[in-house]
């Protein structure tokens, strides 16, 4: 586990902030229904029953061949689409990485496994259209914030679970992400460090111990879990850093390459943290890690 020292970050802060532009112009994003023929298990025909995917593509000259499916947070109750969705997508595309924001269904109207089905389907859609998006099918990762981090970690650990599958015509396409990025993620369920709102919206008011354990993603890590980057803050009171630490330790035990950065200060839900000279450097660490993946 790597705990980033504040002093080192101050040295890098000026370079980092000068290089970052969270509102870099990109090609116009395209919004599509995630399930054009109707989402399985839909409870109505309102917008909340129709998950979408927003497609951000870098210019052809910048494209690196990498793509990332982004899951914004919001406690499985709402989605922080701006600072954990569109801003992140613009940052990624300005670095030549295609971004696909998944607007998945939410509680308390929906519960598990609906969210997992939407999340895995988004990966299959992106991979099935890799040539169209100018990305490589073996360089498709996931990035999730907070409850979206739980969803991203679920795709990384439960990509082959039967409950995550739904009739979609893409059964032959793998839903396993090639890497995962988890930003202050919800990980564990039924524990002192659990974000209770996320748990209730995902699993209902009285989940069984068996269900709590099944959705504690640190308990689902195997050697098949993809390489993972984790970012958290020690001061996070909404989702304590124990969540990232537990997942990191499970990855380490399983022999999965992983990198964890815990910053001293920073409240929950900071997104790219553009106003914080220290915390905003987490994206520099992420970019270096992505380069390391090839």
Foldseek 3Di string as FASTA:
>chain_A
DDADDQVVLVVCLVVLLVPDDLCDDFPDKDKDFLAVVFQPPQPDDDPLSTKIKIKTAADPVQAPQAEEEFEADDLLAAGPCPLRNSSVQSRQNVNNYIYIYIRFHGPPVDAPPRRLLSLLSVLLVCLVCSVVRSHHSLRYAYEYAAQRLLSRLCLLQVQPPPRNDDPRVRVVGGSHGQEYEYELYQAAFPDPQHQVSSCCTHANDDHDPVVRCVSNSLNRDALSRHEYEYEEECPEPNHHPVSVVSNVVSCVVRVHHYYYYYHHDDYGPCRCVSVDSRSNCVVVVVVVVSVVVD
